[in-house]
């Protein structure tokens, strides 16, 4: 079981940041919410704060991460439990530090981007929330 924390980063206009996975990685070319795998003994919020800094160069705090939902998907290669948090406050300028493509989109537009199966259940939740 792979445990992953991800963030729906929401800007002042109500748009959400999505990130395109590099083509050479598993599920390459698909769009997802930024985040990553939990390391040994790491809490979900800690992992997400670390991943956001590593991937995007931003800093946020546990108090700014609101748990929203989770999803599970049985991929052929692994089982994934994905935890989604909403974050509206961070410090720094978002930059693609791992060569990934980034895009700010309104929740109603997210469905137009091919996403991994585990991310898809979050689309209607974000559309209703935002």
N, C-alpha and C. Protein backbone atom coordinates (compact mmCIF):
# COMPACT_ATOMS: atom_id res chain seq x y z
N UNK A 1 0.85 -1.18 0.00
CA UNK A 1 0.00 0.00 0.00
C UNK A 1 0.89 1.23 0.00
N UNK A 2 0.69 2.08 -0.99
CA UNK A 2 1.42 3.32 -1.10
C UNK A 2 0.54 4.43 -0.54
N UNK A 3 1.05 5.18 0.42
CA UNK A 3 0.32 6.28 1.03
C UNK A 3 0.88 7.60 0.53
N UNK A 4 -0.01 8.43 -0.05
CA UNK A 4 0.40 9.69 -0.67
C UNK A 4 -0.47 10.83 -0.15
N UNK A 5 0.17 11.97 0.15
CA UNK A 5 -0.54 13.20 0.51
C UNK A 5 -0.45 14.16 -0.67
N UNK A 6 -1.56 14.81 -0.98
CA UNK A 6 -1.58 15.77 -2.09
C UNK A 6 -2.34 17.02 -1.64
N UNK A 7 -2.11 18.11 -2.37
CA UNK A 7 -2.75 19.37 -2.03
C UNK A 7 -3.51 19.95 -3.21
N UNK A 8 -4.69 20.45 -2.89
CA UNK A 8 -5.40 21.31 -3.83
C UNK A 8 -5.02 22.72 -3.40
N UNK A 9 -3.98 23.26 -4.04
CA UNK A 9 -3.56 24.63 -3.76
C UNK A 9 -4.55 25.56 -4.47
N UNK A 10 -5.18 26.45 -3.71
CA UNK A 10 -6.23 27.31 -4.25
C UNK A 10 -5.75 28.76 -4.19
N UNK A 11 -5.78 29.44 -5.35
CA UNK A 11 -5.36 30.85 -5.38
C UNK A 11 -6.53 31.78 -5.06
N UNK A 12 -6.27 33.08 -5.05
CA UNK A 12 -7.29 34.06 -4.67
C UNK A 12 -8.45 34.11 -5.65
N UNK A 13 -8.26 33.62 -6.87
CA UNK A 13 -9.33 33.58 -7.87
C UNK A 13 -10.14 32.29 -7.83
N UNK A 14 -9.78 31.38 -6.90
CA UNK A 14 -10.51 30.11 -6.80
C UNK A 14 -10.02 29.05 -7.76
N UNK A 15 -8.84 29.26 -8.36
CA UNK A 15 -8.27 28.26 -9.24
C UNK A 15 -7.42 27.28 -8.44
N UNK A 16 -7.27 26.08 -8.98
CA UNK A 16 -6.51 25.02 -8.33
C UNK A 16 -5.29 24.70 -9.19
N UNK A 17 -4.16 24.46 -8.53
CA UNK A 17 -2.94 24.12 -9.25
C UNK A 17 -2.91 22.62 -9.54
N UNK A 18 -2.67 22.27 -10.79
CA UNK A 18 -2.43 20.88 -11.16
C UNK A 18 -1.06 20.78 -11.82
N UNK A 19 -0.50 19.60 -11.73
CA UNK A 19 0.86 19.37 -12.19
C UNK A 19 0.87 18.16 -13.12
N UNK A 20 1.61 18.26 -14.20
CA UNK A 20 1.69 17.16 -15.16
C UNK A 20 2.89 16.27 -14.83
N UNK A 21 2.63 14.98 -14.65
CA UNK A 21 3.71 14.04 -14.34
C UNK A 21 4.67 13.92 -15.52
N UNK A 22 5.97 13.90 -15.24
CA UNK A 22 6.94 13.69 -16.32
C UNK A 22 6.65 12.39 -17.06
N UNK A 23 6.87 12.37 -18.36
CA UNK A 23 6.51 11.22 -19.19
C UNK A 23 7.27 9.95 -18.82
N UNK A 24 8.47 10.08 -18.25
CA UNK A 24 9.25 8.89 -17.92
C UNK A 24 8.83 8.22 -16.61
N UNK A 25 7.96 8.85 -15.83
CA UNK A 25 7.51 8.28 -14.57
C UNK A 25 6.25 7.43 -14.77
N UNK A 26 5.93 6.60 -13.77
CA UNK A 26 4.68 5.85 -13.79
C UNK A 26 3.53 6.86 -13.89
N UNK A 27 2.54 6.55 -14.70
CA UNK A 27 1.41 7.45 -14.96
C UNK A 27 1.87 8.76 -15.60
N UNK A 28 2.97 8.69 -16.33
CA UNK A 28 3.54 9.87 -16.98
C UNK A 28 2.58 10.53 -17.96
N UNK A 29 2.63 11.86 -17.98
CA UNK A 29 1.79 12.65 -18.87
C UNK A 29 0.44 13.00 -18.30
N UNK A 30 0.07 12.37 -17.18
CA UNK A 30 -1.22 12.67 -16.56
C UNK A 30 -1.09 13.84 -15.59
N UNK A 31 -2.19 14.54 -15.38
CA UNK A 31 -2.23 15.69 -14.49
C UNK A 31 -2.67 15.24 -13.10
N UNK A 32 -2.08 15.82 -12.07
CA UNK A 32 -2.38 15.44 -10.70
C UNK A 32 -2.28 16.65 -9.78
N UNK A 33 -2.67 16.43 -8.55
CA UNK A 33 -2.50 17.45 -7.52
C UNK A 33 -1.12 17.28 -6.92
N UNK A 34 -0.38 18.37 -6.68
CA UNK A 34 0.99 18.25 -6.17
C UNK A 34 1.03 17.53 -4.82
N UNK A 35 2.09 16.80 -4.60
CA UNK A 35 2.28 16.07 -3.36
C UNK A 35 3.19 14.90 -3.58
N UNK A 36 3.15 13.95 -2.65
CA UNK A 36 4.01 12.79 -2.81
C UNK A 36 3.89 11.79 -1.70
N UNK A 37 4.74 10.77 -1.79
CA UNK A 37 4.72 9.63 -0.88
C UNK A 37 5.18 10.02 0.52
N UNK A 38 4.58 9.36 1.50
CA UNK A 38 5.01 9.50 2.87
C UNK A 38 6.26 8.66 3.08
N UNK A 39 7.23 9.22 3.78
CA UNK A 39 8.42 8.47 4.15
C UNK A 39 8.14 7.74 5.46
N UNK A 40 9.01 6.85 5.85
CA UNK A 40 8.85 6.06 7.07
C UNK A 40 8.65 6.97 8.28
N UNK A 41 7.59 6.70 9.05
CA UNK A 41 7.24 7.43 10.28
C UNK A 41 6.86 8.90 10.04
N UNK A 42 6.56 9.27 8.81
CA UNK A 42 6.19 10.65 8.48
C UNK A 42 4.67 10.78 8.53
N UNK A 43 4.19 11.86 9.08
CA UNK A 43 2.75 12.13 9.13
C UNK A 43 2.33 12.74 7.78
N UNK A 44 1.05 12.57 7.40
CA UNK A 44 0.61 13.07 6.10
C UNK A 44 0.88 14.56 5.88
N UNK A 45 0.62 15.39 6.88
CA UNK A 45 0.86 16.83 6.72
C UNK A 45 2.34 17.13 6.58
N UNK A 46 3.18 16.42 7.32
CA UNK A 46 4.62 16.62 7.23
C UNK A 46 5.12 16.26 5.84
N UNK A 47 4.65 15.15 5.33
CA UNK A 47 5.04 14.73 3.98
C UNK A 47 4.62 15.76 2.95
N UNK A 48 3.41 16.28 3.09
CA UNK A 48 2.92 17.25 2.12
C UNK A 48 3.71 18.55 2.18
N UNK A 49 4.01 19.02 3.36
CA UNK A 49 4.81 20.25 3.48
C UNK A 49 6.19 20.04 2.85
N UNK A 50 6.80 18.88 3.10
CA UNK A 50 8.10 18.57 2.51
C UNK A 50 8.01 18.50 0.98
N UNK A 51 7.02 17.78 0.48
CA UNK A 51 6.86 17.61 -0.97
C UNK A 51 6.57 18.95 -1.68
N UNK A 52 5.75 19.79 -1.08
CA UNK A 52 5.46 21.09 -1.70
C UNK A 52 6.72 21.94 -1.79
N UNK A 53 7.57 21.84 -0.79
CA UNK A 53 8.83 22.58 -0.84
C UNK A 53 9.76 22.00 -1.90
N UNK A 54 9.88 20.66 -1.93
CA UNK A 54 10.75 20.02 -2.91
C UNK A 54 10.28 20.22 -4.34
N UNK A 55 8.99 20.06 -4.59
CA UNK A 55 8.44 20.12 -5.95
C UNK A 55 8.20 21.54 -6.46
N UNK A 56 7.76 22.43 -5.54
CA UNK A 56 7.28 23.74 -5.98
C UNK A 56 8.02 24.92 -5.34
N UNK A 57 8.87 24.66 -4.36
CA UNK A 57 9.63 25.73 -3.72
C UNK A 57 8.83 26.60 -2.78
N UNK A 58 7.71 26.09 -2.27
CA UNK A 58 6.90 26.88 -1.35
C UNK A 58 6.91 26.27 0.04
N UNK A 59 6.57 27.10 1.01
CA UNK A 59 6.48 26.67 2.39
C UNK A 59 5.06 26.90 2.86
N UNK A 60 4.52 25.91 3.55
CA UNK A 60 3.22 26.08 4.18
C UNK A 60 3.29 25.44 5.56
N UNK A 61 2.21 25.53 6.30
CA UNK A 61 2.18 25.08 7.67
C UNK A 61 1.02 24.12 7.88
N UNK A 62 1.16 23.28 8.88
CA UNK A 62 0.12 22.30 9.18
C UNK A 62 -1.23 22.98 9.38
N UNK A 63 -1.24 24.13 10.01
CA UNK A 63 -2.49 24.85 10.27
C UNK A 63 -3.16 25.34 8.99
N UNK A 64 -2.44 25.35 7.87
CA UNK A 64 -2.99 25.81 6.59
C UNK A 64 -3.44 24.65 5.70
N UNK A 65 -3.31 23.42 6.19
CA UNK A 65 -3.70 22.24 5.43
C UNK A 65 -4.99 21.67 6.00
N UNK A 66 -6.07 21.81 5.24
CA UNK A 66 -7.37 21.31 5.68
C UNK A 66 -7.65 19.99 4.99
N UNK A 67 -7.82 18.89 5.75
CA UNK A 67 -8.14 17.61 5.11
C UNK A 67 -9.47 17.71 4.37
N UNK A 68 -9.50 17.26 3.14
CA UNK A 68 -10.73 17.36 2.35
C UNK A 68 -11.33 15.99 2.07
N UNK A 69 -10.53 15.06 1.54
CA UNK A 69 -11.07 13.78 1.14
C UNK A 69 -9.92 12.80 0.94
N UNK A 70 -10.28 11.54 0.65
CA UNK A 70 -9.28 10.54 0.32
C UNK A 70 -9.85 9.65 -0.77
N UNK A 71 -8.95 8.96 -1.46
CA UNK A 71 -9.39 7.99 -2.45
C UNK A 71 -8.44 6.80 -2.42
N UNK A 72 -8.94 5.68 -2.90
CA UNK A 72 -8.15 4.46 -2.99
C UNK A 72 -8.29 3.95 -4.42
N UNK A 73 -7.17 3.48 -4.96
CA UNK A 73 -7.24 2.85 -6.27
C UNK A 73 -6.21 1.72 -6.34
N UNK A 74 -6.64 0.63 -6.92
CA UNK A 74 -5.80 -0.56 -7.08
C UNK A 74 -5.19 -0.52 -8.49
N UNK A 75 -4.02 0.12 -8.60
CA UNK A 75 -3.31 0.11 -9.87
C UNK A 75 -2.67 -1.26 -10.06
N UNK A 76 -2.34 -1.59 -11.26
CA UNK A 76 -1.73 -2.89 -11.55
C UNK A 76 -0.41 -3.05 -10.78
N UNK A 77 0.38 -1.99 -10.70
CA UNK A 77 1.70 -2.05 -10.08
C UNK A 77 1.66 -1.87 -8.56
N UNK A 78 0.63 -1.22 -8.02
CA UNK A 78 0.59 -0.90 -6.59
C UNK A 78 -0.83 -0.49 -6.18
N UNK A 79 -1.11 -0.56 -4.88
CA UNK A 79 -2.34 -0.02 -4.31
C UNK A 79 -2.02 1.36 -3.77
N UNK A 80 -2.92 2.31 -4.01
CA UNK A 80 -2.66 3.69 -3.60
C UNK A 80 -3.79 4.22 -2.73
N UNK A 81 -3.42 4.78 -1.60
CA UNK A 81 -4.34 5.53 -0.76
C UNK A 81 -3.88 6.98 -0.83
N UNK A 82 -4.74 7.84 -1.37
CA UNK A 82 -4.39 9.23 -1.63
C UNK A 82 -5.22 10.14 -0.72
N UNK A 83 -4.52 10.96 0.05
CA UNK A 83 -5.15 11.91 0.97
C UNK A 83 -5.06 13.30 0.37
N UNK A 84 -6.19 13.98 0.23
CA UNK A 84 -6.18 15.32 -0.36
C UNK A 84 -6.48 16.37 0.70
N UNK A 85 -5.62 17.38 0.74
CA UNK A 85 -5.77 18.53 1.63
C UNK A 85 -6.01 19.76 0.77
N UNK A 86 -6.71 20.74 1.32
CA UNK A 86 -6.87 22.03 0.66
C UNK A 86 -5.92 23.01 1.35
N UNK A 87 -5.24 23.81 0.54
CA UNK A 87 -4.31 24.81 1.08
C UNK A 87 -4.52 26.12 0.34
N UNK A 88 -4.78 27.17 1.09
CA UNK A 88 -4.98 28.50 0.50
C UNK A 88 -3.88 29.49 0.89
N UNK A 89 -2.97 29.06 1.75
CA UNK A 89 -1.93 29.99 2.23
C UNK A 89 -0.58 29.30 2.20
N UNK A 90 0.37 29.95 1.56
CA UNK A 90 1.74 29.46 1.50
C UNK A 90 2.66 30.65 1.32
N UNK A 91 3.93 30.38 1.47
CA UNK A 91 4.96 31.41 1.35
C UNK A 91 5.88 31.01 0.21
N UNK A 92 6.22 31.98 -0.63
CA UNK A 92 7.11 31.72 -1.75
C UNK A 92 6.38 31.76 -3.08
N UNK A 93 7.15 31.71 -4.14
CA UNK A 93 6.61 31.74 -5.49
C UNK A 93 6.67 30.32 -6.05
N UNK A 94 5.54 29.84 -6.51
CA UNK A 94 5.46 28.48 -7.04
C UNK A 94 6.29 28.36 -8.32
N UNK A 95 7.19 27.38 -8.31
CA UNK A 95 8.06 27.11 -9.46
C UNK A 95 8.14 25.61 -9.68
N UNK A 96 8.16 25.18 -10.93
CA UNK A 96 8.28 23.74 -11.22
C UNK A 96 9.71 23.26 -11.03
N UNK A 97 10.05 22.81 -9.85
CA UNK A 97 11.43 22.42 -9.52
C UNK A 97 11.84 21.06 -10.08
N UNK A 98 10.89 20.28 -10.57
CA UNK A 98 11.22 18.94 -11.08
C UNK A 98 10.91 18.83 -12.57
N UNK A 99 10.86 19.96 -13.26
CA UNK A 99 10.63 19.97 -14.69
C UNK A 99 9.19 19.70 -15.10
N UNK A 100 8.30 19.64 -14.13
CA UNK A 100 6.90 19.36 -14.42
C UNK A 100 6.18 20.61 -14.96
N UNK A 101 5.17 20.37 -15.76
CA UNK A 101 4.33 21.46 -16.26
C UNK A 101 3.28 21.75 -15.19
N UNK A 102 3.02 23.03 -14.95
CA UNK A 102 2.04 23.46 -13.96
C UNK A 102 0.95 24.25 -14.64
N UNK A 103 -0.26 24.16 -14.11
CA UNK A 103 -1.36 24.93 -14.67
C UNK A 103 -2.37 25.26 -13.57
N UNK A 104 -2.82 26.52 -13.54
CA UNK A 104 -3.90 26.94 -12.64
C UNK A 104 -5.21 26.80 -13.41
N UNK A 105 -6.15 26.04 -12.85
CA UNK A 105 -7.42 25.82 -13.53
C UNK A 105 -8.57 25.98 -12.55
N UNK A 106 -9.72 26.40 -13.07
CA UNK A 106 -10.92 26.45 -12.25
C UNK A 106 -11.42 25.02 -12.05
N UNK A 107 -12.03 24.74 -10.89
CA UNK A 107 -12.49 23.38 -10.62
C UNK A 107 -13.34 22.77 -11.72
N UNK A 108 -14.17 23.57 -12.38
CA UNK A 108 -15.02 23.02 -13.44
C UNK A 108 -14.22 22.62 -14.68
N UNK A 109 -12.97 23.08 -14.78
CA UNK A 109 -12.11 22.76 -15.93
C UNK A 109 -11.24 21.53 -15.70
N UNK A 110 -11.08 21.11 -14.45
CA UNK A 110 -10.16 20.01 -14.14
C UNK A 110 -10.51 18.74 -14.91
N UNK A 111 -11.80 18.52 -15.11
CA UNK A 111 -12.23 17.29 -15.81
C UNK A 111 -11.72 17.23 -17.25
N UNK A 112 -11.25 18.34 -17.79
CA UNK A 112 -10.73 18.37 -19.16
C UNK A 112 -9.29 17.88 -19.26
N UNK A 113 -8.68 17.57 -18.12
CA UNK A 113 -7.29 17.14 -18.09
C UNK A 113 -7.23 15.67 -17.71
N UNK A 114 -6.50 14.85 -18.47
CA UNK A 114 -6.39 13.43 -18.10
C UNK A 114 -5.66 13.29 -16.77
N UNK A 115 -6.28 12.57 -15.84
CA UNK A 115 -5.73 12.41 -14.49
C UNK A 115 -5.65 10.93 -14.12
N UNK A 116 -4.77 10.60 -13.17
CA UNK A 116 -4.76 9.23 -12.65
C UNK A 116 -6.11 8.91 -12.00
N UNK A 117 -6.48 7.64 -12.00
CA UNK A 117 -7.77 7.23 -11.46
C UNK A 117 -7.97 7.66 -10.01
N UNK A 118 -6.91 7.64 -9.22
CA UNK A 118 -7.04 8.01 -7.80
C UNK A 118 -7.36 9.49 -7.61
N UNK A 119 -7.02 10.33 -8.56
CA UNK A 119 -7.28 11.77 -8.44
C UNK A 119 -8.70 12.14 -8.89
N UNK A 120 -9.28 11.35 -9.77
CA UNK A 120 -10.57 11.70 -10.37
C UNK A 120 -11.71 11.91 -9.38
N UNK A 121 -11.81 11.13 -8.28
CA UNK A 121 -12.92 11.36 -7.35
C UNK A 121 -12.91 12.75 -6.69
N UNK A 122 -11.78 13.43 -6.73
CA UNK A 122 -11.68 14.75 -6.10
C UNK A 122 -12.29 15.85 -6.97
N UNK A 123 -12.45 15.60 -8.24
CA UNK A 123 -12.95 16.64 -9.16
C UNK A 123 -14.32 17.16 -8.73
N UNK A 124 -15.33 16.31 -8.54
CA UNK A 124 -16.65 16.85 -8.14
C UNK A 124 -16.63 17.47 -6.74
N UNK A 125 -15.79 16.94 -5.86
CA UNK A 125 -15.70 17.49 -4.51
C UNK A 125 -15.17 18.92 -4.57
N UNK A 126 -14.12 19.15 -5.36
CA UNK A 126 -13.58 20.50 -5.50
C UNK A 126 -14.54 21.42 -6.22
N UNK A 127 -15.21 20.90 -7.23
CA UNK A 127 -16.20 21.70 -7.98
C UNK A 127 -17.30 22.20 -7.04
N UNK A 128 -17.77 21.32 -6.15
CA UNK A 128 -18.82 21.70 -5.21
C UNK A 128 -18.31 22.64 -4.12
N UNK A 129 -17.06 22.44 -3.69
CA UNK A 129 -16.49 23.25 -2.61
C UNK A 129 -16.16 24.67 -3.08
N UNK A 130 -15.60 24.76 -4.27
CA UNK A 130 -15.11 26.05 -4.74
C UNK A 130 -16.07 26.68 -5.73
